[in-house]
Structure formats: structure tokens, C-alpha cells
Amino acid sequence: MPNGENRDATETFLQHVEASPQVMECYHVTGTADYMLKIVAPDISSFRDFLMDTLVPTPDVSHIESRIVLKTEKRSFELPLPDHAGRLR
């Protein structure tokens, strides 16, 4: 992904991300990558096409590493926040 130190490259990258309906989520992260994208595709061929036609040609994208979810083991959107008595809900 783009080098986080180059704001113009980052803005261009984020514009491509915003314009891509396949990108469901985009996170600016720490570590060796600058961004993590959650992408949906109907099949592996469509996923490859998205990578090759959209991400790879994006200026300043220097590296792409993919992970494919095989099975969702747990998914929750509840936040474990304390109630008024300080107990976790």
C-alpha cells in the first residue's frame, strides 16, 4: 500500500478505495502494511480481477498481501461496555 509519509499518494489511494464498491472497509493500520481492506467478491476470479484491474494499477501501491476467510468462527458487533454499576454487559 502507499507509503504513509506521502500524503498525495495516500489521498490518491484512498480515492481509488472510496470509488471501489468491492471495498467494504478500509483501515489505516500499524505494522508492515499501511492499509487493510475488507473486499467482497462473488468468486476467486472476480477477486483476482479486482486486484489486477483496480489495486495493482493504483499509483504507489507497491505490495499487496491477501487473506481469504475460509470460515467465520465468531462475529460480534456488541461492545463489552460497563453498565452504571461497572459490570460488563
Protein backbone atom coordinates (compact mmCIF):
# COMPACT_ATOMS: atom_id res chain seq x y z
CA MET A 1 0.00 0.00 0.00
CA PRO A 2 1.14 3.61 -0.25
CA ASN A 3 3.90 4.91 1.96
CA GLY A 4 2.11 6.72 4.80
CA GLU A 5 4.65 9.54 4.64
CA ASN A 6 3.49 10.68 1.18
CA ARG A 7 0.14 12.44 1.66
CA ASP A 8 -0.56 12.89 -2.08
CA ALA A 9 -0.06 9.19 -2.79
CA THR A 10 -2.20 8.31 0.20
CA GLU A 11 -5.02 10.60 -0.94
CA THR A 12 -4.93 9.09 -4.44
CA PHE A 13 -5.05 5.60 -2.98
CA LEU A 14 -7.97 6.49 -0.70
CA GLN A 15 -9.87 7.99 -3.63
CA HIS A 16 -9.49 4.68 -5.50
CA VAL A 17 -10.68 2.81 -2.40
CA GLU A 18 -13.69 5.10 -1.99
CA ALA A 19 -14.66 4.64 -5.65
CA SER A 20 -14.48 0.83 -5.45
CA PRO A 21 -17.77 -0.78 -4.38
CA GLN A 22 -15.95 -4.08 -3.69
CA VAL A 23 -14.13 -2.43 -0.77
CA MET A 24 -16.41 -2.76 2.24
CA GLU A 25 -13.98 -1.47 4.86
CA CYS A 26 -10.60 0.26 4.88
CA TYR A 27 -8.36 0.53 7.94
CA HIS A 28 -5.17 2.57 8.37
CA VAL A 29 -3.03 0.17 10.40
CA THR A 30 0.35 -0.14 12.07
CA GLY A 31 2.99 -2.66 11.06
CA THR A 32 4.47 -3.53 7.68
CA ALA A 33 1.31 -2.57 5.75
CA ASP A 34 -0.23 0.88 5.77
CA TYR A 35 -3.79 -0.20 4.99
CA MET A 36 -6.01 -3.24 5.38
CA LEU A 37 -9.02 -3.59 3.11
CA LYS A 38 -12.05 -5.83 3.51
CA ILE A 39 -13.13 -6.76 0.00
CA VAL A 40 -16.13 -8.78 -1.15
CA ALA A 41 -16.28 -10.70 -4.41
CA PRO A 42 -18.66 -13.37 -5.69
CA ASP A 43 -15.79 -15.73 -6.53
CA ILE A 44 -12.00 -16.00 -6.65
CA SER A 45 -11.87 -14.98 -10.31
CA SER A 46 -13.71 -11.73 -9.56
CA PHE A 47 -11.40 -11.13 -6.60
CA ARG A 48 -8.36 -11.58 -8.85
CA ASP A 49 -9.87 -9.23 -11.45
CA PHE A 50 -10.39 -6.59 -8.75
CA LEU A 51 -6.78 -6.91 -7.64
CA MET A 52 -5.36 -6.82 -11.16
CA ASP A 53 -7.69 -4.15 -12.59
CA THR A 54 -8.12 -1.86 -9.60
CA LEU A 55 -5.49 -2.22 -6.90
CA VAL A 56 -2.35 -3.16 -8.84
CA PRO A 57 -2.60 -0.21 -11.28
CA THR A 58 -3.19 2.27 -8.44
CA PRO A 59 -0.21 4.65 -8.24
CA ASP A 60 2.19 4.00 -5.35
CA VAL A 61 0.71 0.61 -4.42
CA SER A 62 3.91 -1.36 -4.02
CA HIS A 63 2.79 -4.54 -2.28
CA ILE A 64 -0.45 -6.50 -1.89
CA GLU A 65 -0.90 -9.38 0.52
CA SER A 66 -4.20 -11.27 0.53
CA ARG A 67 -6.00 -13.29 3.15
CA ILE A 68 -9.14 -15.22 2.27
CA VAL A 69 -11.65 -16.07 5.00
CA LEU A 70 -12.43 -19.78 4.94
CA LYS A 71 -14.95 -19.74 7.77
CA THR A 72 -16.21 -17.16 10.26
CA GLU A 73 -15.75 -18.62 13.75
CA LYS A 74 -17.06 -15.64 15.70
CA ARG A 75 -18.62 -12.37 14.66
CA SER A 76 -19.95 -9.81 17.10
CA PHE A 77 -20.79 -6.14 16.92
CA GLU A 78 -21.57 -5.82 20.64
CA LEU A 79 -19.16 -3.74 22.67
CA PRO A 80 -18.35 -5.09 26.14
CA LEU A 81 -19.03 -1.78 27.90
CA PRO A 82 -19.67 -1.49 31.63
CA ASP A 83 -23.17 -0.68 32.87
CA HIS A 84 -23.85 2.00 35.51
CA ALA A 85 -22.66 -0.35 38.27
CA GLY A 86 -19.37 -1.01 36.48
CA ARG A 87 -20.25 -4.56 35.40
CA LEU A 88 -19.61 -5.62 31.83
CA ARG A 89 -22.74 -6.17 29.81
